[in-house]
Amino acid sequence: MSTNRSQPRKIGTYNILARIGEGAASVLYAVQHPKTKQVSALKHVEKTDEKSQRFLDQVEQEYAIGSKLDHTSIRKVTKLIKHRKMFKVTAMSMIMEHIDATTLDQQLPRNHSKAVDIFRQVAEGLAHMHEKGFVHADIKPNNVLINENNSVKIIDLGQACAIGTTKKRIQG
């Protein structure tokens, strides 16, 4: 996705509050629902060519798995929006829980007990995924958010898959 474009004011019905990050082919925004005023995170991916279809597929897979999970250590995924032009999907947006936190690689634990607590929370979240039949497949420090209370949120389920899936590419 091109980063030199000006920031849109809206995506779908959601008002954009701020750009809060980006991934390989996605941009993450803080957004607000116009009626409920609920603030969420919105991951937006555009199809720029046939090769970029895989990024749309990845968001769809992330939603399919994320919407089946319900654990305090995993970012909640609530809605998938398909943007169409002439009946073709040209972009997707995924609405997720907005989390005011930094990644583990930016905020390393200051002592042994905090490291153990973070590890425990990540392990509990991953165990929940495994109980539901999925693996994260890209767990790494920048896919773990930590807030000011040392609560953990596992993010970026874009590589997640069912247990037993053979993947061509391994990450994390």
C-alpha atoms as a PDB file:
ATOM      1  CA  MET A   1       0.000   0.000   0.000  1.00  0.00           C
ATOM      2  CA  SER A   2       1.348   3.398  -0.894  1.00  0.00           C
ATOM      3  CA  THR A   3       2.281   5.530   2.096  1.00  0.00           C
ATOM      4  CA  ASN A   4       2.509   8.832   0.234  1.00  0.00           C
ATOM      5  CA  ARG A   5      -1.230   9.277  -0.090  1.00  0.00           C
ATOM      6  CA  SER A   6      -3.028  11.705   2.149  1.00  0.00           C
ATOM      7  CA  GLN A   7      -4.892  10.103   5.013  1.00  0.00           C
ATOM      8  CA  PRO A   8      -8.575   9.480   4.305  1.00  0.00           C
ATOM      9  CA  ARG A   9     -11.171  11.031   6.621  1.00  0.00           C
ATOM     10  CA  LYS A  10     -13.451   8.006   6.567  1.00  0.00           C
ATOM     11  CA  ILE A  11     -13.263   4.351   5.714  1.00  0.00           C
ATOM     12  CA  GLY A  12     -16.710   2.913   5.233  1.00  0.00           C
ATOM     13  CA  THR A  13     -18.851   4.570   7.891  1.00  0.00           C
ATOM     14  CA  TYR A  14     -15.960   4.939  10.366  1.00  0.00           C
ATOM     15  CA  ASN A  15     -14.366   8.333  11.029  1.00  0.00           C
ATOM     16  CA  ILE A  16     -10.575   8.177  11.098  1.00  0.00           C
ATOM     17  CA  LEU A  17      -9.029   9.685  14.226  1.00  0.00           C
ATOM     18  CA  ALA A  18      -5.353   8.867  13.607  1.00  0.00           C
ATOM     19  CA  ARG A  19      -2.976   6.632  11.731  1.00  0.00           C
ATOM     20  CA  ILE A  20      -1.457   4.357  14.371  1.00  0.00           C
ATOM     21  CA  GLY A  21       0.705   1.930  12.415  1.00  0.00           C
ATOM     22  CA  GLU A  22       1.333  -0.094   9.317  1.00  0.00           C
ATOM     23  CA  GLY A  23       2.220  -3.608   8.283  1.00  0.00           C
ATOM     24  CA  ALA A  24       3.575  -5.161   5.105  1.00  0.00           C
ATOM     25  CA  ALA A  25       0.476  -4.270   3.080  1.00  0.00           C
ATOM     26  CA  SER A  26      -1.845  -2.694   5.626  1.00  0.00           C
ATOM     27  CA  VAL A  27      -2.418   0.555   7.456  1.00  0.00           C
ATOM     28  CA  LEU A  28      -3.804   0.636  10.983  1.00  0.00           C
ATOM     29  CA  TYR A  29      -6.031   3.520  12.050  1.00  0.00           C
ATOM     30  CA  ALA A  30      -7.785   4.564  15.239  1.00  0.00           C
ATOM     31  CA  VAL A  31     -11.387   5.053  14.142  1.00  0.00           C
ATOM     32  CA  GLN A  32     -14.691   6.042  15.690  1.00  0.00           C
ATOM     33  CA  HIS A  33     -18.120   4.710  14.837  1.00  0.00           C
ATOM     34  CA  PRO A  34     -20.313   7.734  13.983  1.00  0.00           C
ATOM     35  CA  LYS A  35     -23.383   6.574  15.932  1.00  0.00           C
ATOM     36  CA  THR A  36     -22.023   4.682  18.939  1.00  0.00           C
ATOM     37  CA  LYS A  37     -18.840   6.830  19.265  1.00  0.00           C
ATOM     38  CA  GLN A  38     -16.965   3.579  20.027  1.00  0.00           C
ATOM     39  CA  VAL A  39     -13.232   3.914  19.286  1.00  0.00           C
ATOM     40  CA  SER A  40     -11.686   0.896  17.563  1.00  0.00           C
ATOM     41  CA  ALA A  41      -8.631  -0.034  15.553  1.00  0.00           C
ATOM     42  CA  LEU A  42      -9.159  -0.554  11.830  1.00  0.00           C
ATOM     43  CA  LYS A  43      -6.741  -2.530   9.671  1.00  0.00           C
ATOM     44  CA  HIS A  44      -7.119  -1.498   6.019  1.00  0.00           C
ATOM     45  CA  VAL A  45      -5.710  -3.418   3.053  1.00  0.00           C
ATOM     46  CA  GLU A  46      -6.127  -2.438  -0.597  1.00  0.00           C
ATOM     47  CA  LYS A  47      -5.788  -4.654  -3.640  1.00  0.00           C
ATOM     48  CA  THR A  48      -3.301  -2.874  -5.875  1.00  0.00           C
ATOM     49  CA  ASP A  49      -2.594  -5.758  -8.289  1.00  0.00           C
ATOM     50  CA  GLU A  50      -3.104  -9.517  -8.584  1.00  0.00           C
ATOM     51  CA  LYS A  51      -0.118 -10.249  -6.312  1.00  0.00           C
ATOM     52  CA  SER A  52      -1.713  -8.212  -3.510  1.00  0.00           C
ATOM     53  CA  GLN A  53      -4.750 -10.528  -3.432  1.00  0.00           C
ATOM     54  CA  ARG A  54      -2.833 -12.606  -0.865  1.00  0.00           C
ATOM     55  CA  PHE A  55      -2.993  -9.690   1.587  1.00  0.00           C
ATOM     56  CA  LEU A  56      -6.786  -9.546   1.247  1.00  0.00           C
ATOM     57  CA  ASP A  57      -6.909 -13.310   1.782  1.00  0.00           C
ATOM     58  CA  GLN A  58      -4.725 -12.898   4.865  1.00  0.00           C
ATOM     59  CA  VAL A  59      -7.082 -10.310   6.407  1.00  0.00           C
ATOM     60  CA  GLU A  60     -10.044 -12.549   5.687  1.00  0.00           C
ATOM     61  CA  GLN A  61      -8.258 -15.476   7.371  1.00  0.00           C
ATOM     62  CA  GLU A  62      -7.279 -13.248  10.308  1.00  0.00           C
ATOM     63  CA  TYR A  63     -10.927 -12.288  10.776  1.00  0.00           C
ATOM     64  CA  ALA A  64     -12.178 -15.874  10.390  1.00  0.00           C
ATOM     65  CA  ILE A  65      -9.858 -17.066  13.168  1.00  0.00           C
ATOM     66  CA  GLY A  66      -9.830 -13.946  15.367  1.00  0.00           C
ATOM     67  CA  SER A  67     -13.627 -13.778  15.537  1.00  0.00           C
ATOM     68  CA  LYS A  68     -13.663 -17.288  17.056  1.00  0.00           C
ATOM     69  CA  LEU A  69     -11.326 -16.342  19.920  1.00  0.00           C
ATOM     70  CA  ASP A  70     -12.314 -14.798  23.236  1.00  0.00           C
ATOM     71  CA  HIS A  71      -9.430 -14.364  25.653  1.00  0.00           C
ATOM     72  CA  THR A  72      -8.199 -11.336  27.589  1.00  0.00           C
ATOM     73  CA  SER A  73      -4.672 -11.810  26.181  1.00  0.00           C
ATOM     74  CA  ILE A  74      -5.787 -11.743  22.512  1.00  0.00           C
ATOM     75  CA  ARG A  75      -6.923  -8.607  20.651  1.00  0.00           C
ATOM     76  CA  LYS A  76     -10.634  -8.848  19.909  1.00  0.00           C
ATOM     77  CA  VAL A  77     -11.675  -8.830  16.254  1.00  0.00           C
ATOM     78  CA  THR A  78     -15.252  -7.670  15.683  1.00  0.00           C
ATOM     79  CA  LYS A  79     -16.044  -6.985  12.027  1.00  0.00           C
ATOM     80  CA  LEU A  80     -14.810  -7.466   8.464  1.00  0.00           C
ATOM     81  CA  ILE A  81     -15.788  -4.945   5.808  1.00  0.00           C
ATOM     82  CA  LYS A  82     -15.326  -5.743   2.124  1.00  0.00           C
ATOM     83  CA  HIS A  83     -15.047  -2.662  -0.081  1.00  0.00           C
ATOM     84  CA  ARG A  84     -16.288  -3.323  -3.618  1.00  0.00           C
ATOM     85  CA  LYS A  85     -16.160  -1.591  -6.984  1.00  0.00           C
ATOM     86  CA  MET A  86     -18.138  -3.122  -9.838  1.00  0.00           C
ATOM     87  CA  PHE A  87     -18.859  -6.223  -7.695  1.00  0.00           C
ATOM     88  CA  LYS A  88     -15.125  -6.894  -7.170  1.00  0.00           C
ATOM     89  CA  VAL A  89     -13.510  -6.657  -3.741  1.00  0.00           C
ATOM     90  CA  THR A  90     -10.900  -3.897  -3.998  1.00  0.00           C
ATOM     91  CA  ALA A  91     -10.082  -3.518  -0.294  1.00  0.00           C
ATOM     92  CA  MET A  92     -10.885  -4.914   3.144  1.00  0.00           C
ATOM     93  CA  SER A  93     -11.089  -3.348   6.560  1.00  0.00           C
ATOM     94  CA  MET A  94     -11.106  -5.238   9.823  1.00  0.00           C
ATOM     95  CA  ILE A  95     -12.469  -3.646  12.994  1.00  0.00           C
ATOM     96  CA  MET A  96     -10.575  -4.638  16.131  1.00  0.00           C
ATOM     97  CA  GLU A  97     -10.221  -3.706  19.764  1.00  0.00           C
ATOM     98  CA  HIS A  98      -8.223  -0.477  20.139  1.00  0.00           C
ATOM     99  CA  ILE A  99      -5.377  -0.930  22.609  1.00  0.00           C
ATOM    100  CA  ASP A 100      -3.288   1.859  24.095  1.00  0.00           C
ATOM    101  CA  ALA A 101      -0.010  -0.020  24.461  1.00  0.00           C
ATOM    102  CA  THR A 102       3.468  -0.586  23.045  1.00  0.00           C
ATOM    103  CA  THR A 103       5.015  -3.725  21.643  1.00  0.00           C
ATOM    104  CA  LEU A 104       7.112  -5.999  23.823  1.00  0.00           C
ATOM    105  CA  ASP A 105      10.238  -5.279  21.757  1.00  0.00           C
ATOM    106  CA  GLN A 106       9.824  -1.562  22.602  1.00  0.00           C
ATOM    107  CA  GLN A 107       9.104  -2.151  26.297  1.00  0.00           C
ATOM    108  CA  LEU A 108      11.178  -5.015  27.640  1.00  0.00           C
ATOM    109  CA  PRO A 109      10.367  -6.252  31.158  1.00  0.00           C
ATOM    110  CA  ARG A 110      12.524  -4.604  33.835  1.00  0.00           C
ATOM    111  CA  ASN A 111      12.864  -7.639  36.082  1.00  0.00           C
ATOM    112  CA  HIS A 112      12.445 -11.393  36.208  1.00  0.00           C
ATOM    113  CA  SER A 113       8.968 -11.397  37.769  1.00  0.00           C
ATOM    114  CA  LYS A 114       7.585  -9.028  35.076  1.00  0.00           C
ATOM    115  CA  ALA A 115       9.127 -11.203  32.355  1.00  0.00           C
ATOM    116  CA  VAL A 116       7.515 -14.304  33.867  1.00  0.00           C
ATOM    117  CA  ASP A 117       4.129 -12.525  34.122  1.00  0.00           C
ATOM    118  CA  ILE A 118       4.291 -11.434  30.468  1.00  0.00           C
ATOM    119  CA  PHE A 119       5.316 -14.944  29.388  1.00  0.00           C
ATOM    120  CA  ARG A 120       2.433 -16.437  31.410  1.00  0.00           C
ATOM    121  CA  GLN A 121      -0.139 -14.120  29.775  1.00  0.00           C
ATOM    122  CA  VAL A 122       1.190 -14.864  26.277  1.00  0.00           C
ATOM    123  CA  ALA A 123       1.185 -18.611  27.026  1.00  0.00           C
ATOM    124  CA  GLU A 124      -2.421 -18.435  28.280  1.00  0.00           C
ATOM    125  CA  GLY A 125      -3.520 -16.607  25.124  1.00  0.00           C
ATOM    126  CA  LEU A 126      -1.730 -19.097  22.875  1.00  0.00           C
ATOM    127  CA  ALA A 127      -3.188 -21.997  24.887  1.00  0.00           C
ATOM    128  CA  HIS A 128      -6.669 -20.542  24.245  1.00  0.00           C
ATOM    129  CA  MET A 129      -5.911 -20.454  20.511  1.00  0.00           C
ATOM    130  CA  HIS A 130      -4.738 -24.076  20.648  1.00  0.00           C
ATOM    131  CA  GLU A 131      -7.878 -25.135  22.542  1.00  0.00           C
ATOM    132  CA  LYS A 132      -9.918 -23.562  19.725  1.00  0.00           C
ATOM    133  CA  GLY A 133      -7.852 -25.471  17.144  1.00  0.00           C
ATOM    134  CA  PHE A 134      -5.526 -22.710  15.893  1.00  0.00           C
ATOM    135  CA  VAL A 135      -1.875 -21.663  16.043  1.00  0.00           C
ATOM    136  CA  HIS A 136      -0.610 -18.072  15.792  1.00  0.00           C
ATOM    137  CA  ALA A 137       2.284 -18.941  13.430  1.00  0.00           C
ATOM    138  CA  ASP A 138       3.944 -15.510  13.791  1.00  0.00           C
ATOM    139  CA  ILE A 139       4.477 -14.972  17.514  1.00  0.00           C
ATOM    140  CA  LYS A 140       7.317 -12.534  18.179  1.00  0.00           C
ATOM    141  CA  PRO A 141       7.904  -9.540  20.470  1.00  0.00           C
ATOM    142  CA  ASN A 142       6.387  -6.983  18.082  1.00  0.00           C
ATOM    143  CA  ASN A 143       3.154  -9.030  17.941  1.00  0.00           C
ATOM    144  CA  VAL A 144       2.710  -8.731  21.709  1.00  0.00           C
ATOM    145  CA  LEU A 145       1.354  -5.464  23.127  1.00  0.00           C
ATOM    146  CA  ILE A 146       1.888  -4.448  26.756  1.00  0.00           C
ATOM    147  CA  ASN A 147      -0.096  -1.653  28.380  1.00  0.00           C
ATOM    148  CA  GLU A 148       0.842   0.471  31.384  1.00  0.00           C
ATOM    149  CA  ASN A 149      -0.664  -2.153  33.755  1.00  0.00           C
ATOM    150  CA  ASN A 150       1.530  -4.889  32.193  1.00  0.00           C
ATOM    151  CA  SER A 151      -1.505  -6.544  30.589  1.00  0.00           C
ATOM    152  CA  VAL A 152      -0.688  -8.411  27.393  1.00  0.00           C
ATOM    153  CA  LYS A 153      -2.535  -8.490  24.063  1.00  0.00           C
ATOM    154  CA  ILE A 154      -1.428 -10.851  21.315  1.00  0.00           C
ATOM    155  CA  ILE A 155      -1.958  -9.160  17.945  1.00  0.00           C
ATOM    156  CA  ASP A 156      -1.592  -9.832  14.203  1.00  0.00           C
ATOM    157  CA  LEU A 157      -3.307 -13.117  13.499  1.00  0.00           C
ATOM    158  CA  GLY A 158      -2.584 -12.739   9.777  1.00  0.00           C
ATOM    159  CA  GLN A 159      -0.491 -15.923   9.679  1.00  0.00           C
ATOM    160  CA  ALA A 160      -2.730 -17.877  12.096  1.00  0.00           C
ATOM    161  CA  CYS A 161      -4.077 -21.173  10.841  1.00  0.00           C
ATOM    162  CA  ALA A 162      -5.749 -24.377  11.936  1.00  0.00           C
ATOM    163  CA  ILE A 163      -3.567 -26.830  13.840  1.00  0.00           C
ATOM    164  CA  GLY A 164      -2.028 -29.266  11.363  1.00  0.00           C
ATOM    165  CA  THR A 165      -1.911 -26.822   8.444  1.00  0.00           C
ATOM    166  CA  THR A 166       1.238 -27.152   6.333  1.00  0.00           C
ATOM    167  CA  LYS A 167       2.521 -23.675   5.527  1.00  0.00           C
ATOM    168  CA  LYS A 168       4.886 -22.885   2.665  1.00  0.00           C
ATOM    169  CA  ARG A 169       6.431 -20.018   4.619  1.00  0.00           C
ATOM    170  CA  ILE A 170       7.268 -20.006   8.332  1.00  0.00           C
ATOM    171  CA  GLN A 171       7.418 -16.773  10.320  1.00  0.00           C
ATOM    172  CA  GLY A 172       7.769 -15.651  13.906  1.00  0.00           C
END
